Amino acid sequence: MILGVQIVSLVFSFFYGIILFGIGYFFRKLILNKRFLVAFISTFLFMFFFSSIYFIFLWYLNSGIIHEYFLLVFLLGVLFSIFLFKSVKL
């Protein structure tokens, strides 16, 4: 894979981790007091939708090639957003 494509994919994975955590944080607040079945189905659809979007964008960026370091950078984006949300106190 070309280095430029890898860098774009890494940056996308990092920011997607931040965006997914932010949306997931507010989504969790919305379904917190719902019945178990509604919360389970909503969470399943939420995860299916956003994981599908991630793979569609990876398919567009680098023909759908997934490397371990993409997932690692995605998790770093999530950890960064956890730190950001704790420092802002949302």
N, C-alpha and C. Protein backbone atom coordinates (compact mmCIF):
# COMPACT_ATOMS: atom_id res chain seq x y z
N MET A 1 0.85 -1.17 0.00
CA MET A 1 0.00 0.00 0.00
C MET A 1 0.90 1.24 0.00
N ILE A 2 0.48 2.25 -0.70
CA ILE A 2 1.24 3.49 -0.82
C ILE A 2 1.23 4.23 0.51
N LEU A 3 2.34 4.88 0.83
CA LEU A 3 2.48 5.56 2.12
C LEU A 3 1.42 6.64 2.31
N GLY A 4 1.12 7.40 1.27
CA GLY A 4 0.11 8.46 1.38
C GLY A 4 -1.26 7.91 1.72
N VAL A 5 -1.59 6.77 1.15
CA VAL A 5 -2.88 6.13 1.43
C VAL A 5 -2.91 5.64 2.87
N GLN A 6 -1.81 5.13 3.36
CA GLN A 6 -1.74 4.67 4.75
C GLN A 6 -1.92 5.84 5.72
N ILE A 7 -1.28 6.96 5.43
CA ILE A 7 -1.39 8.11 6.31
C ILE A 7 -2.81 8.64 6.33
N VAL A 8 -3.45 8.74 5.18
CA VAL A 8 -4.84 9.19 5.11
C VAL A 8 -5.74 8.23 5.87
N SER A 9 -5.50 6.93 5.74
CA SER A 9 -6.30 5.94 6.45
C SER A 9 -6.10 6.03 7.95
N LEU A 10 -4.87 6.28 8.39
CA LEU A 10 -4.60 6.43 9.82
C LEU A 10 -5.28 7.67 10.40
N VAL A 11 -5.19 8.77 9.68
CA VAL A 11 -5.83 10.00 10.14
C VAL A 11 -7.34 9.82 10.18
N PHE A 12 -7.90 9.17 9.17
CA PHE A 12 -9.34 8.90 9.15
C PHE A 12 -9.73 8.03 10.34
N SER A 13 -8.95 6.99 10.63
CA SER A 13 -9.27 6.10 11.73
C SER A 13 -9.23 6.84 13.07
N PHE A 14 -8.25 7.72 13.24
CA PHE A 14 -8.14 8.48 14.48
C PHE A 14 -9.37 9.37 14.67
N PHE A 15 -9.71 10.15 13.66
CA PHE A 15 -10.85 11.06 13.79
C PHE A 15 -12.18 10.31 13.84
N TYR A 16 -12.25 9.16 13.20
CA TYR A 16 -13.47 8.37 13.28
C TYR A 16 -13.66 7.83 14.70
N GLY A 17 -12.58 7.48 15.37
CA GLY A 17 -12.67 7.06 16.77
C GLY A 17 -13.18 8.17 17.66
N ILE A 18 -12.72 9.40 17.42
CA ILE A 18 -13.19 10.55 18.19
C ILE A 18 -14.68 10.79 17.93
N ILE A 19 -15.07 10.78 16.67
CA ILE A 19 -16.47 11.02 16.30
C ILE A 19 -17.37 9.93 16.84
N LEU A 20 -16.95 8.69 16.71
CA LEU A 20 -17.78 7.58 17.18
C LEU A 20 -17.96 7.62 18.69
N PHE A 21 -16.92 7.96 19.42
CA PHE A 21 -17.07 8.05 20.87
C PHE A 21 -18.03 9.18 21.25
N GLY A 22 -17.90 10.32 20.59
CA GLY A 22 -18.78 11.44 20.89
C GLY A 22 -20.23 11.12 20.61
N ILE A 23 -20.50 10.54 19.46
CA ILE A 23 -21.87 10.17 19.12
C ILE A 23 -22.37 9.06 20.05
N GLY A 24 -21.52 8.09 20.34
CA GLY A 24 -21.89 7.00 21.23
C GLY A 24 -22.16 7.48 22.65
N TYR A 25 -21.43 8.49 23.09
CA TYR A 25 -21.64 9.05 24.42
C TYR A 25 -23.05 9.63 24.55
N PHE A 26 -23.46 10.42 23.56
CA PHE A 26 -24.79 11.01 23.60
C PHE A 26 -25.88 9.99 23.31
N PHE A 27 -25.57 9.01 22.48
CA PHE A 27 -26.52 7.93 22.21
C PHE A 27 -26.80 7.13 23.49
N ARG A 28 -25.77 6.88 24.27
CA ARG A 28 -25.94 6.15 25.52
C ARG A 28 -26.83 6.92 26.48
N LYS A 29 -26.68 8.24 26.51
CA LYS A 29 -27.55 9.05 27.37
C LYS A 29 -29.00 9.00 26.91
N LEU A 30 -29.22 8.87 25.60
CA LEU A 30 -30.59 8.79 25.08
C LEU A 30 -31.28 7.48 25.44
N ILE A 31 -30.56 6.37 25.41
CA ILE A 31 -31.20 5.07 25.63
C ILE A 31 -31.01 4.55 27.05
N LEU A 32 -30.52 5.38 27.94
CA LEU A 32 -30.19 4.94 29.30
C LEU A 32 -31.41 4.40 30.04
N ASN A 33 -32.53 5.04 29.91
CA ASN A 33 -33.71 4.65 30.67
C ASN A 33 -34.74 3.89 29.82
N LYS A 34 -34.35 3.35 28.73
CA LYS A 34 -35.26 2.59 27.87
C LYS A 34 -35.33 1.14 28.35
N ARG A 35 -36.34 0.46 27.86
CA ARG A 35 -36.46 -0.96 28.20
C ARG A 35 -35.29 -1.73 27.59
N PHE A 36 -35.01 -2.90 28.14
CA PHE A 36 -33.84 -3.68 27.74
C PHE A 36 -33.86 -4.03 26.26
N LEU A 37 -34.97 -4.50 25.76
CA LEU A 37 -35.04 -4.92 24.36
C LEU A 37 -34.86 -3.75 23.41
N VAL A 38 -35.47 -2.62 23.73
CA VAL A 38 -35.32 -1.42 22.91
C VAL A 38 -33.87 -0.95 22.93
N ALA A 39 -33.26 -0.94 24.11
CA ALA A 39 -31.86 -0.53 24.22
C ALA A 39 -30.93 -1.49 23.48
N PHE A 40 -31.20 -2.79 23.57
CA PHE A 40 -30.36 -3.79 22.90
C PHE A 40 -30.44 -3.64 21.39
N ILE A 41 -31.65 -3.53 20.86
CA ILE A 41 -31.82 -3.40 19.41
C ILE A 41 -31.25 -2.08 18.91
N SER A 42 -31.47 -1.01 19.66
CA SER A 42 -30.92 0.29 19.27
C SER A 42 -29.39 0.27 19.25
N THR A 43 -28.80 -0.34 20.25
CA THR A 43 -27.34 -0.42 20.31
C THR A 43 -26.79 -1.28 19.18
N PHE A 44 -27.46 -2.38 18.88
CA PHE A 44 -27.03 -3.24 17.78
C PHE A 44 -27.09 -2.49 16.45
N LEU A 45 -28.18 -1.78 16.21
CA LEU A 45 -28.31 -1.01 14.97
C LEU A 45 -27.29 0.12 14.90
N PHE A 46 -27.04 0.76 16.03
CA PHE A 46 -26.05 1.83 16.10
C PHE A 46 -24.67 1.31 15.72
N MET A 47 -24.27 0.20 16.33
CA MET A 47 -22.95 -0.36 16.04
C MET A 47 -22.85 -0.89 14.62
N PHE A 48 -23.92 -1.52 14.13
CA PHE A 48 -23.92 -2.02 12.76
C PHE A 48 -23.78 -0.87 11.77
N PHE A 49 -24.53 0.20 11.99
CA PHE A 49 -24.50 1.36 11.09
C PHE A 49 -23.12 2.00 11.06
N PHE A 50 -22.55 2.27 12.24
CA PHE A 50 -21.27 2.96 12.27
C PHE A 50 -20.10 2.08 11.87
N SER A 51 -20.16 0.80 12.12
CA SER A 51 -19.09 -0.07 11.62
C SER A 51 -19.20 -0.22 10.11
N SER A 52 -20.40 -0.23 9.57
CA SER A 52 -20.57 -0.28 8.11
C SER A 52 -20.01 0.98 7.46
N ILE A 53 -20.27 2.13 8.08
CA ILE A 53 -19.73 3.38 7.55
C ILE A 53 -18.21 3.36 7.56
N TYR A 54 -17.61 2.84 8.64
CA TYR A 54 -16.16 2.76 8.73
C TYR A 54 -15.59 1.91 7.60
N PHE A 55 -16.18 0.76 7.36
CA PHE A 55 -15.67 -0.11 6.30
C PHE A 55 -15.93 0.44 4.91
N ILE A 56 -17.03 1.15 4.73
CA ILE A 56 -17.29 1.78 3.43
C ILE A 56 -16.25 2.85 3.15
N PHE A 57 -15.94 3.67 4.15
CA PHE A 57 -14.90 4.68 3.95
C PHE A 57 -13.54 4.05 3.74
N LEU A 58 -13.22 2.97 4.45
CA LEU A 58 -11.95 2.28 4.20
C LEU A 58 -11.93 1.69 2.81
N TRP A 59 -13.06 1.21 2.35
CA TRP A 59 -13.12 0.68 0.98
C TRP A 59 -12.85 1.80 -0.02
N TYR A 60 -13.38 2.97 0.25
CA TYR A 60 -13.17 4.11 -0.63
C TYR A 60 -11.71 4.59 -0.57
N LEU A 61 -11.12 4.61 0.63
CA LEU A 61 -9.76 5.14 0.78
C LEU A 61 -8.68 4.19 0.30
N ASN A 62 -8.80 2.90 0.67
CA ASN A 62 -7.69 1.99 0.36
C ASN A 62 -8.16 0.59 -0.07
N SER A 63 -9.26 0.51 -0.75
CA SER A 63 -9.82 -0.75 -1.26
C SER A 63 -10.19 -1.73 -0.15
N GLY A 64 -10.51 -1.21 1.02
CA GLY A 64 -11.01 -2.05 2.11
C GLY A 64 -9.95 -2.84 2.85
N ILE A 65 -8.71 -2.47 2.73
CA ILE A 65 -7.64 -3.18 3.42
C ILE A 65 -7.60 -2.71 4.87
N ILE A 66 -7.69 -3.67 5.79
CA ILE A 66 -7.68 -3.35 7.22
C ILE A 66 -6.40 -3.90 7.82
N HIS A 67 -5.65 -3.03 8.46
CA HIS A 67 -4.44 -3.44 9.16
C HIS A 67 -4.65 -3.25 10.65
N GLU A 68 -3.83 -3.91 11.43
CA GLU A 68 -3.94 -3.82 12.88
C GLU A 68 -3.73 -2.39 13.36
N TYR A 69 -2.82 -1.67 12.71
CA TYR A 69 -2.53 -0.32 13.18
C TYR A 69 -3.67 0.64 12.88
N PHE A 70 -4.55 0.35 11.93
CA PHE A 70 -5.75 1.18 11.75
C PHE A 70 -6.64 1.06 12.98
N LEU A 71 -6.82 -0.16 13.46
CA LEU A 71 -7.65 -0.36 14.64
C LEU A 71 -6.98 0.22 15.89
N LEU A 72 -5.65 0.13 15.95
CA LEU A 72 -4.92 0.71 17.08
C LEU A 72 -5.08 2.23 17.09
N VAL A 73 -4.96 2.86 15.95
CA VAL A 73 -5.13 4.32 15.88
C VAL A 73 -6.58 4.70 16.15
N PHE A 74 -7.53 3.87 15.72
CA PHE A 74 -8.94 4.09 16.04
C PHE A 74 -9.13 4.09 17.56
N LEU A 75 -8.55 3.11 18.24
CA LEU A 75 -8.64 3.04 19.70
C LEU A 75 -7.94 4.22 20.37
N LEU A 76 -6.84 4.69 19.79
CA LEU A 76 -6.18 5.88 20.31
C LEU A 76 -7.09 7.10 20.18
N GLY A 77 -7.83 7.17 19.09
CA GLY A 77 -8.81 8.26 18.93
C GLY A 77 -9.89 8.19 19.98
N VAL A 78 -10.36 6.98 20.29
CA VAL A 78 -11.36 6.81 21.35
C VAL A 78 -10.78 7.22 22.69
N LEU A 79 -9.56 6.79 22.99
CA LEU A 79 -8.93 7.16 24.26
C LEU A 79 -8.70 8.66 24.37
N PHE A 80 -8.31 9.27 23.27
CA PHE A 80 -8.13 10.72 23.24
C PHE A 80 -9.45 11.43 23.52
N SER A 81 -10.53 10.94 22.94
CA SER A 81 -11.82 11.59 23.17
C SER A 81 -12.32 11.35 24.59
N ILE A 82 -12.00 10.20 25.19
CA ILE A 82 -12.35 9.98 26.60
C ILE A 82 -11.63 11.01 27.46
N PHE A 83 -10.35 11.22 27.21
CA PHE A 83 -9.59 12.23 27.94
C PHE A 83 -10.18 13.61 27.71
N LEU A 84 -10.55 13.91 26.47
CA LEU A 84 -11.12 15.21 26.13
C LEU A 84 -12.46 15.43 26.83
N PHE A 85 -13.32 14.41 26.84
CA PHE A 85 -14.62 14.54 27.48
C PHE A 85 -14.49 14.67 28.99
N LYS A 86 -13.52 14.00 29.60
CA LYS A 86 -13.32 14.12 31.04
C LYS A 86 -12.77 15.49 31.41
N SER A 87 -11.93 16.06 30.56
CA SER A 87 -11.38 17.37 30.86
C SER A 87 -12.40 18.48 30.66
N VAL A 88 -13.36 18.27 29.75
CA VAL A 88 -14.40 19.26 29.50
C VAL A 88 -15.59 19.07 30.45
N LYS A 89 -15.74 17.87 30.99
CA LYS A 89 -16.81 17.51 31.93
C LYS A 89 -18.19 17.58 31.28
N LEU A 90 -18.35 16.86 30.15
CA LEU A 90 -19.68 16.81 29.52
C LEU A 90 -20.54 15.79 30.15
